[in-house]
Amino acid sequence: MGKNIAKLLIVFVLIAAVVFAAFGTYTIGGFTKNGAFDEKIGIRQGLDLTGGSVITFEAEAEDVTPEQMSTVVAVMRKRLDNAQYTEATVAVQGEKRVRIEIPSVSNPDEAVKLLGQTAKLIFADSEGNVVLDGADIKKAQQMYGQLSEMSAAENYVELTFNAESVQKFADATKAAANKEAGQNFIAIMLDEAVISAPQVDAQYAAEGINSETAVISGGFTAESAAELANLISAGQLPFSLKVVEQSAVGASLGETALSDSILAAAIGILLIMLLMLVLYRIPGLAADIALVAYIGLFVLLMGLFHTNLTLAGIAGVILTIGMAVDANVIIFERIKEEINSGKTVKAAVGAGFKRAFAAIIDSNITTLIAAVVLYVVGVGTVKGFAITLGLGIIISMFTAIFVTRVILTQFAGIFSKNPKLYGGK
């Protein structure tokens, strides 16, 4: 029994540390951090909670391809990141429109001025001299394959130049190849920000890269190569954009809804914890402790990932609170069946978790698939809901399968003489 109590104390200390990290105020390295809700490095509030601007652009062209719209999204995303609006959302709306939501920017004209300019792409040498610009690039695309017979297949970006730009690129790469290490590169810059700086090998010191195509390689994933290709292609947009909608969103509704949502969540948590205690006694107490661990882990991870929390996201949080104890209900019912069949409390706890495992995994995986689909095809607040739902499912499986089991196993070693405390007859 002494070992069981010691293990429980360790679990309680760990849970308390997680909850304090999520909700407490503490100082690290001279900086005071307000848990996961720190304004600078914690959970970010979405447009519906803090207010901001919403702008919708439409392509001024008849035929628009999905690839061209992806290029526009990449440019807008890069512009927002450069301006420190990392919490903004950019999404394609229909076939020809892009919807942009920027929290904390109350003046839509300011946002339009930032986003409405034409992206400026340049290629510059180590001394800052411009050697090419966006008009010189005919096409940039992500590719996969072997660059030589001796190398393994890899992701890379292939550039295709206009006919009149081939010689300019050859001269620039020849000059770069003849420079010392650290200076032998051609920087690719979008809106004065370097997006890539590939080095030119010494083998091109004689003639440079004298062809209509050139390759940028070096540890790319398929996604990062596609992103770079989109950004390079954005140097000369295939069409201009016009503003078809712009508005400022106030935070008054969000502030009211936020306080109401927090109150609803608190009431829901208390009712769930009370119900679990009444129905399942000792297992219910274990589930309540695991629920506290779940809430702490959930909030802490949202802060670490700098998640953008919206009202829809809060709905996802409240939904996953109920789902967090759903797995425990399945386990505890199995434990009751095992006790009523004549097994001891310790044996029933082990068998209950084992028999309920498959059902828990099946039910949670299907919901997780739904969350992934919502994130992939959804935009704006739908994505926020999908993120919180998916994160909640993963954490709830962890707390139900591991945390609850550890706590309940120790309880079974301490209170093992009375099966009624575990719901048995």
Protein backbone atom coordinates (compact mmCIF):
# COMPACT_ATOMS: atom_id res chain seq x y z
CA MET A 1 0.00 0.00 0.00
CA GLY A 2 2.90 2.34 0.73
CA LYS A 3 4.19 1.95 -2.83
CA ASN A 4 0.74 2.71 -4.23
CA ILE A 5 0.51 5.92 -2.20
CA ALA A 6 4.00 6.99 -3.28
CA LYS A 7 3.16 6.44 -6.95
CA LEU A 8 -0.08 8.39 -6.56
CA LEU A 9 1.81 11.30 -5.01
CA ILE A 10 4.22 11.35 -7.96
CA VAL A 11 1.29 11.39 -10.42
CA PHE A 12 -0.42 14.20 -8.49
CA VAL A 13 2.77 16.29 -8.47
CA LEU A 14 3.18 15.85 -12.23
CA ILE A 15 -0.44 16.83 -12.87
CA ALA A 16 -0.08 19.87 -10.59
CA ALA A 17 3.05 20.92 -12.52
CA VAL A 18 1.21 20.67 -15.85
CA VAL A 19 -1.76 22.69 -14.54
CA PHE A 20 0.54 25.36 -13.11
CA ALA A 21 2.48 25.60 -16.39
CA ALA A 22 -0.81 26.06 -18.24
CA PHE A 23 -2.55 28.54 -15.93
CA GLY A 24 0.04 29.91 -13.51
CA THR A 25 2.17 33.04 -13.65
CA TYR A 26 5.90 32.48 -13.34
CA THR A 27 9.25 33.99 -14.31
CA ILE A 28 11.77 32.29 -16.61
CA GLY A 29 15.05 33.93 -17.59
CA GLY A 30 13.90 37.29 -16.27
CA PHE A 31 10.65 37.20 -18.31
CA THR A 32 7.26 36.83 -16.65
CA LYS A 33 5.00 34.36 -18.41
CA ASN A 34 1.25 34.12 -17.85
CA GLY A 35 0.99 30.43 -18.61
CA ALA A 36 -0.53 29.35 -21.90
CA PHE A 37 -2.49 32.62 -22.10
CA ASP A 38 0.58 34.83 -22.38
CA GLU A 39 -0.12 37.53 -24.98
CA LYS A 40 3.22 37.17 -26.78
CA ILE A 41 4.05 33.46 -26.66
CA GLY A 42 0.77 31.83 -25.66
CA ILE A 43 -2.64 31.14 -27.16
CA ARG A 44 -3.64 33.75 -29.72
CA GLN A 45 -7.18 35.06 -29.93
CA GLY A 46 -8.87 34.90 -33.29
CA LEU A 47 -10.68 37.56 -35.25
CA ASP A 48 -14.03 36.92 -33.56
CA LEU A 49 -12.51 37.44 -30.09
CA THR A 50 -10.26 40.47 -30.59
CA GLY A 51 -11.75 42.11 -33.68
CA GLY A 52 -9.84 43.08 -36.81
CA SER A 53 -10.26 43.35 -40.56
CA VAL A 54 -11.67 41.10 -43.25
CA ILE A 55 -10.70 41.65 -46.90
CA THR A 56 -11.78 39.67 -49.93
CA PHE A 57 -9.83 39.96 -53.20
CA GLU A 58 -11.03 38.75 -56.59
CA ALA A 59 -8.88 37.87 -59.60
CA GLU A 60 -9.36 40.19 -62.59
CA ALA A 61 -9.11 37.39 -65.13
CA GLU A 62 -11.48 35.09 -67.00
CA ASP A 63 -9.65 31.77 -66.63
CA VAL A 64 -8.03 31.16 -63.25
CA THR A 65 -6.35 27.85 -62.35
CA PRO A 66 -6.03 26.37 -58.84
CA GLU A 67 -2.23 26.64 -59.21
CA GLN A 68 -2.50 30.39 -59.79
CA MET A 69 -4.72 30.79 -56.74
CA SER A 70 -2.18 28.82 -54.67
CA THR A 71 0.45 31.31 -55.82
CA VAL A 72 -1.71 34.23 -54.65
CA VAL A 73 -2.24 32.57 -51.26
CA ALA A 74 1.52 32.02 -50.88
CA VAL A 75 2.26 35.69 -51.66
CA MET A 76 -0.39 36.98 -49.25
CA ARG A 77 0.80 34.63 -46.52
CA LYS A 78 4.39 35.78 -47.00
CA ARG A 79 3.39 39.45 -46.87
CA LEU A 80 1.44 38.94 -43.66
CA ASP A 81 4.29 37.01 -42.03
CA ASN A 82 6.79 39.73 -42.98
CA ALA A 83 4.48 42.30 -41.37
CA GLN A 84 4.27 40.15 -38.20
CA TYR A 85 0.61 39.27 -38.76
CA THR A 86 1.33 35.56 -38.27
CA GLU A 87 -2.10 34.92 -36.74
CA ALA A 88 -3.94 36.05 -39.87
CA THR A 89 -5.73 33.50 -42.06
CA VAL A 90 -5.64 33.31 -45.86
CA ALA A 91 -8.01 31.01 -47.74
CA VAL A 92 -9.30 30.55 -51.28
CA GLN A 93 -13.01 31.28 -51.53
CA GLY A 94 -14.69 29.82 -54.58
CA GLU A 95 -12.69 29.81 -57.81
CA LYS A 96 -11.46 33.40 -58.09
CA ARG A 97 -11.52 34.92 -54.60
CA VAL A 98 -9.16 35.03 -51.62
CA ARG A 99 -10.49 35.86 -48.16
CA ILE A 100 -8.07 37.28 -45.59
CA GLU A 101 -8.81 37.78 -41.90
CA ILE A 102 -6.36 39.85 -39.84
CA PRO A 103 -6.99 40.06 -36.08
CA SER A 104 -6.12 43.29 -34.24
CA VAL A 105 -6.04 45.43 -37.43
CA SER A 106 -9.05 47.71 -37.04
CA ASN A 107 -8.47 49.76 -40.22
CA PRO A 108 -9.29 47.74 -43.38
CA ASP A 109 -7.63 50.37 -45.61
CA GLU A 110 -4.33 49.70 -43.84
CA ALA A 111 -4.64 46.00 -44.57
CA VAL A 112 -5.59 46.59 -48.22
CA LYS A 113 -2.57 48.84 -48.68
CA LEU A 114 -0.34 46.13 -47.25
CA LEU A 115 -1.78 43.31 -49.36
CA GLY A 116 -2.73 45.13 -52.53
CA GLN A 117 0.76 45.85 -53.77
CA THR A 118 2.33 43.73 -56.49
CA ALA A 119 4.84 41.22 -55.14
CA LYS A 120 8.40 42.16 -56.06
CA LEU A 121 10.76 39.26 -56.75
CA ILE A 122 14.47 39.78 -57.39
CA PHE A 123 17.61 37.68 -57.65
CA ALA A 124 20.65 39.38 -56.11
CA ASP A 125 24.32 38.49 -55.66
CA SER A 126 26.23 38.60 -52.38
CA GLU A 127 26.90 42.32 -52.84
CA GLY A 128 23.20 43.12 -53.25
CA ASN A 129 23.31 43.73 -57.01
CA VAL A 130 20.08 42.72 -58.74
CA VAL A 131 20.85 40.18 -61.47
CA LEU A 132 17.29 39.01 -62.32
CA ASP A 133 13.74 39.89 -61.40
CA GLY A 134 10.35 38.22 -61.51
CA ALA A 135 9.83 39.03 -65.16
CA ASP A 136 12.82 36.84 -66.06
CA ILE A 137 11.22 33.69 -64.61
CA LYS A 138 8.92 31.80 -66.94
CA LYS A 139 8.00 29.05 -64.50
CA ALA A 140 9.02 27.54 -61.15
CA GLN A 141 7.80 24.11 -60.08
CA GLN A 142 8.40 21.48 -57.43
CA MET A 143 10.00 18.30 -58.80
CA TYR A 144 11.16 14.93 -57.46
CA GLY A 145 13.88 12.70 -58.88
CA GLN A 146 17.61 12.04 -59.23
CA LEU A 147 19.76 15.03 -60.08
CA SER A 148 22.67 12.74 -61.06
CA GLU A 149 23.31 9.04 -61.52
CA MET A 150 25.21 8.84 -58.24
CA SER A 151 22.66 10.69 -56.09
CA ALA A 152 19.44 9.53 -54.46
CA ALA A 153 16.07 10.88 -55.51
CA GLU A 154 15.10 14.10 -53.76
CA ASN A 155 12.69 17.03 -53.87
CA TYR A 156 13.91 20.14 -55.66
CA VAL A 157 12.72 23.30 -57.40
CA GLU A 158 13.18 23.67 -61.15
CA LEU A 159 13.33 27.18 -62.62
CA THR A 160 12.57 27.90 -66.28
CA PHE A 161 13.87 31.21 -67.66
CA ASN A 162 12.66 33.35 -70.51
CA ALA A 163 14.84 33.04 -73.63
CA GLU A 164 16.29 36.52 -73.21
CA SER A 165 17.14 35.86 -69.54
CA VAL A 166 19.30 32.75 -70.00
CA GLN A 167 22.49 34.71 -70.63
CA LYS A 168 21.86 37.05 -67.69
CA PHE A 169 21.56 34.06 -65.38
CA ALA A 170 24.67 32.46 -66.87
CA ASP A 171 26.71 35.62 -66.23
CA ALA A 172 25.39 35.93 -62.66
CA THR A 173 26.10 32.30 -61.74
CA LYS A 174 29.56 32.45 -63.33
CA ALA A 175 30.43 35.45 -61.17
CA ALA A 176 29.02 33.76 -58.05
CA ALA A 177 30.91 30.51 -58.70
CA ASN A 178 34.20 32.41 -58.79
CA LYS A 179 33.67 33.96 -55.37
CA GLU A 180 34.95 32.53 -52.09
CA ALA A 181 32.87 30.23 -49.91
CA GLY A 182 30.09 32.10 -48.16
CA GLN A 183 29.82 34.65 -50.97
CA ASN A 184 29.09 32.25 -53.84
CA PHE A 185 25.31 32.45 -53.76
CA ILE A 186 22.39 34.02 -55.56
CA ALA A 187 19.78 35.30 -53.09
CA ILE A 188 16.12 34.99 -54.06
CA MET A 189 14.18 37.83 -52.42
CA LEU A 190 10.45 38.49 -52.25
CA ASP A 191 9.44 41.93 -51.00
CA GLU A 192 13.03 42.47 -49.80
CA ALA A 193 12.93 39.31 -47.66
CA VAL A 194 15.27 36.43 -48.55
CA ILE A 195 13.27 33.27 -49.23
CA SER A 196 16.23 31.20 -50.46
CA ALA A 197 19.96 31.67 -51.08
CA PRO A 198 21.26 28.71 -53.15
CA GLN A 199 25.02 28.42 -53.61
CA VAL A 200 26.61 28.08 -57.04
CA ASP A 201 29.11 25.21 -57.30
CA ALA A 202 32.67 25.85 -58.46
CA GLN A 203 32.07 23.63 -61.52
CA TYR A 204 30.19 26.54 -63.10
CA ALA A 205 33.12 28.96 -62.71
CA ALA A 206 33.96 28.79 -66.44
CA GLU A 207 30.59 29.36 -68.13
CA GLY A 208 27.99 29.65 -65.39
CA ILE A 209 24.64 27.87 -65.61
CA ASN A 210 23.92 28.46 -69.29
CA SER A 211 20.57 26.79 -69.93
CA GLU A 212 16.86 27.55 -69.92
CA THR A 213 16.44 25.65 -66.65
CA ALA A 214 18.20 25.65 -63.31
CA VAL A 215 17.74 23.56 -60.16
CA ILE A 216 17.56 24.58 -56.50
CA SER A 217 18.21 21.59 -54.25
CA GLY A 218 19.20 20.82 -50.68
CA GLY A 219 17.08 18.98 -48.13
CA PHE A 220 13.64 20.02 -49.37
CA THR A 221 10.47 18.19 -48.43
CA ALA A 222 7.71 18.03 -51.03
CA GLU A 223 5.84 20.75 -49.14
CA SER A 224 8.80 23.12 -48.69
CA ALA A 225 9.83 22.72 -52.35
CA ALA A 226 6.26 23.46 -53.48
CA GLU A 227 6.11 26.51 -51.19
CA LEU A 228 9.36 27.90 -52.58
CA ALA A 229 8.19 27.28 -56.15
CA ASN A 230 4.94 29.13 -55.41
CA LEU A 231 6.79 32.09 -53.92
CA ILE A 232 9.16 32.32 -56.89
CA SER A 233 6.26 32.06 -59.32
CA ALA A 234 4.64 34.95 -57.49
CA GLY A 235 7.30 37.36 -58.70
CA GLN A 236 5.01 38.25 -61.57
CA LEU A 237 1.40 37.52 -60.69
CA PRO A 238 -0.62 36.08 -63.59
CA PHE A 239 -3.43 38.55 -62.90
CA SER A 240 -4.21 41.61 -60.82
CA LEU A 241 -6.52 41.57 -57.80
CA LYS A 242 -9.38 43.87 -56.88
CA VAL A 243 -11.00 44.38 -53.50
CA VAL A 244 -14.62 43.23 -53.56
CA GLU A 245 -15.26 43.34 -49.82
CA GLN A 246 -13.61 44.91 -46.80
CA SER A 247 -14.91 45.41 -43.30
CA ALA A 248 -13.85 45.95 -39.71
CA VAL A 249 -15.01 43.45 -37.11
CA GLY A 250 -15.52 44.60 -33.54
CA ALA A 251 -14.61 42.52 -30.51
CA SER A 252 -17.65 43.36 -28.35
CA LEU A 253 -19.61 40.28 -29.47
CA GLY A 254 -16.53 38.10 -29.08
CA GLU A 255 -15.82 39.36 -25.56
CA THR A 256 -19.35 38.54 -24.43
CA ALA A 257 -19.34 35.16 -26.13
CA LEU A 258 -15.92 34.36 -24.65
CA SER A 259 -17.04 34.95 -21.06
CA ASP A 260 -20.24 32.97 -21.68
CA SER A 261 -18.28 30.11 -23.25
CA ILE A 262 -15.83 29.95 -20.34
CA LEU A 263 -18.76 29.88 -17.89
CA ALA A 264 -20.46 27.12 -19.89
CA ALA A 265 -17.22 25.11 -19.95
CA ALA A 266 -16.76 25.48 -16.19
CA ILE A 267 -20.34 24.37 -15.45
CA GLY A 268 -19.99 21.45 -17.86
CA ILE A 269 -16.73 20.28 -16.25
CA LEU A 270 -18.17 20.43 -12.72
CA LEU A 271 -21.31 18.52 -13.74
CA ILE A 272 -19.27 15.86 -15.51
CA MET A 273 -16.95 15.41 -12.52
CA LEU A 274 -19.92 15.16 -10.12
CA LEU A 275 -21.71 12.66 -12.34
CA MET A 276 -18.62 10.45 -12.63
CA LEU A 277 -18.22 10.41 -8.83
CA VAL A 278 -21.87 9.48 -8.24
CA LEU A 279 -22.00 6.75 -10.88
CA TYR A 280 -18.56 5.15 -10.56
CA ARG A 281 -17.21 6.12 -7.11
CA ILE A 282 -13.45 5.29 -6.97
CA PRO A 283 -13.08 4.93 -10.77
CA GLY A 284 -15.02 8.18 -11.11
CA LEU A 285 -12.53 9.91 -8.81
CA ALA A 286 -9.69 8.60 -10.97
CA ALA A 287 -11.47 9.91 -14.07
CA ASP A 288 -11.92 13.34 -12.46
CA ILE A 289 -8.21 13.57 -11.65
CA ALA A 290 -7.38 12.49 -15.21
CA LEU A 291 -9.79 15.15 -16.50
CA VAL A 292 -7.83 17.82 -14.62
CA ALA A 293 -4.67 16.46 -16.28
CA TYR A 294 -6.45 16.55 -19.64
CA ILE A 295 -7.45 20.21 -19.26
CA GLY A 296 -3.94 21.19 -18.18
CA LEU A 297 -2.28 19.32 -21.07
CA PHE A 298 -4.77 20.67 -23.58
CA VAL A 299 -4.29 24.31 -22.60
CA LEU A 300 -0.50 23.90 -22.28
CA LEU A 301 -0.13 22.40 -25.78
CA MET A 302 -2.35 25.08 -27.31
CA GLY A 303 -0.06 27.67 -25.78
CA LEU A 304 3.12 25.92 -26.92
CA PHE A 305 1.81 25.64 -30.49
CA HIS A 306 0.66 29.29 -30.39
CA THR A 307 -2.80 28.14 -31.50
CA ASN A 308 -5.21 30.69 -32.90
CA LEU A 309 -8.33 30.28 -30.72
CA THR A 310 -11.71 31.27 -32.13
CA LEU A 311 -15.25 30.94 -30.80
CA ALA A 312 -15.67 27.82 -32.92
CA GLY A 313 -12.44 26.53 -31.41
CA ILE A 314 -13.87 27.05 -27.93
CA ALA A 315 -16.87 24.97 -29.01
CA GLY A 316 -14.42 22.24 -29.98
CA VAL A 317 -12.79 22.46 -26.55
CA ILE A 318 -16.12 22.09 -24.75
CA LEU A 319 -17.06 19.15 -26.98
CA THR A 320 -13.80 17.34 -26.28
CA ILE A 321 -14.27 17.76 -22.51
CA GLY A 322 -17.25 15.43 -22.74
CA MET A 323 -15.33 13.10 -25.04
CA ALA A 324 -12.46 13.00 -22.53
CA VAL A 325 -14.58 10.98 -20.08
CA ASP A 326 -16.42 9.01 -22.75
CA ALA A 327 -13.56 6.50 -22.95
CA ASN A 328 -13.55 6.21 -19.16
CA VAL A 329 -17.23 5.27 -19.18
CA ILE A 330 -16.50 2.37 -21.53
CA ILE A 331 -13.60 1.21 -19.34
CA PHE A 332 -15.53 1.47 -16.07
CA GLU A 333 -18.51 -0.47 -17.42
CA ARG A 334 -16.10 -3.22 -18.45
CA ILE A 335 -14.59 -3.19 -14.95
CA LYS A 336 -18.06 -3.55 -13.38
CA GLU A 337 -18.77 -6.55 -15.60
CA GLU A 338 -15.50 -8.18 -14.58
CA ILE A 339 -16.15 -7.61 -10.85
CA ASN A 340 -19.69 -8.98 -11.13
CA SER A 341 -18.33 -12.08 -12.86
CA GLY A 342 -16.31 -12.88 -9.75
CA LYS A 343 -12.88 -11.37 -10.37
CA THR A 344 -10.93 -9.44 -7.77
CA VAL A 345 -10.73 -5.66 -8.01
CA LYS A 346 -7.13 -5.68 -9.26
CA ALA A 347 -7.85 -8.34 -11.88
CA ALA A 348 -11.04 -6.55 -12.95
CA VAL A 349 -9.20 -3.24 -13.46
CA GLY A 350 -6.58 -4.87 -15.69
CA ALA A 351 -9.15 -6.82 -17.69
CA GLY A 352 -11.44 -3.82 -18.04
CA PHE A 353 -8.76 -1.67 -19.64
CA LYS A 354 -7.68 -4.51 -21.91
CA ARG A 355 -11.19 -5.31 -23.16
CA ALA A 356 -12.15 -1.66 -23.68
CA PHE A 357 -8.98 -0.70 -25.59
CA ALA A 358 -10.20 -1.66 -29.08
CA ALA A 359 -13.54 0.13 -28.69
CA ILE A 360 -11.82 3.32 -27.47
CA ILE A 361 -9.38 3.36 -30.38
CA ASP A 362 -12.11 2.71 -32.97
CA SER A 363 -14.44 5.45 -31.71
CA ASN A 364 -11.70 8.07 -31.38
CA ILE A 365 -10.00 7.32 -34.70
CA THR A 366 -13.25 7.89 -36.62
CA THR A 367 -13.73 11.26 -34.91
CA LEU A 368 -10.08 12.14 -35.55
CA ILE A 369 -10.57 11.40 -39.26
CA ALA A 370 -13.55 13.78 -39.28
CA ALA A 371 -11.38 16.47 -37.64
CA VAL A 372 -8.67 16.01 -40.29
CA VAL A 373 -11.22 16.31 -43.10
CA LEU A 374 -12.67 19.48 -41.56
CA TYR A 375 -9.18 20.97 -41.33
CA VAL A 376 -8.25 20.09 -44.91
CA VAL A 377 -11.41 21.31 -46.63
CA GLY A 378 -12.53 23.97 -44.15
CA VAL A 379 -11.60 27.63 -43.92
CA GLY A 380 -11.51 30.22 -41.15
CA THR A 381 -13.36 29.22 -38.00
CA VAL A 382 -13.97 25.68 -39.30
CA LYS A 383 -10.22 25.10 -39.19
CA GLY A 384 -10.11 26.44 -35.62
CA PHE A 385 -12.81 23.97 -34.61
CA ALA A 386 -10.96 21.12 -36.35
CA ILE A 387 -7.66 21.93 -34.61
CA THR A 388 -9.12 21.96 -31.10
CA LEU A 389 -11.24 18.87 -31.81
CA GLY A 390 -8.29 16.87 -33.15
CA LEU A 391 -5.94 17.95 -30.37
CA GLY A 392 -8.59 17.15 -27.76
CA ILE A 393 -9.14 13.64 -29.14
CA ILE A 394 -5.42 12.80 -29.04
CA ILE A 395 -4.99 14.08 -25.47
CA SER A 396 -8.20 12.41 -24.27
CA MET A 397 -7.00 9.03 -25.55
CA PHE A 398 -3.70 9.54 -23.71
CA THR A 399 -5.34 10.50 -20.40
CA ALA A 400 -7.97 7.75 -20.62
CA ILE A 401 -5.63 4.93 -21.59
CA PHE A 402 -2.54 5.87 -19.56
CA VAL A 403 -3.25 8.48 -16.85
CA THR A 404 -6.54 6.99 -15.65
CA ARG A 405 -5.04 3.51 -15.70
CA VAL A 406 -2.07 4.49 -13.55
CA ILE A 407 -4.28 6.27 -11.01
CA LEU A 408 -6.93 3.55 -10.87
CA THR A 409 -4.33 0.79 -10.55
CA GLN A 410 -2.90 2.52 -7.48
CA PHE A 411 -6.39 3.03 -6.04
CA ALA A 412 -7.07 -0.68 -6.56
CA GLY A 413 -3.99 -1.46 -4.47
CA ILE A 414 -5.25 0.78 -1.65
CA PHE A 415 -9.04 0.23 -1.72
CA SER A 416 -9.26 -3.37 -2.97
CA LYS A 417 -11.47 -4.99 -0.33
CA ASN A 418 -14.81 -3.43 -1.22
CA PRO A 419 -16.01 -4.09 -4.83
CA LYS A 420 -18.94 -1.72 -4.31
CA LEU A 421 -16.50 1.21 -4.44
CA TYR A 422 -15.90 0.22 -8.07
CA GLY A 423 -19.54 -0.20 -9.07
CA GLY A 424 -19.72 -3.94 -8.40
CA LYS A 425 -22.62 -5.68 -6.72
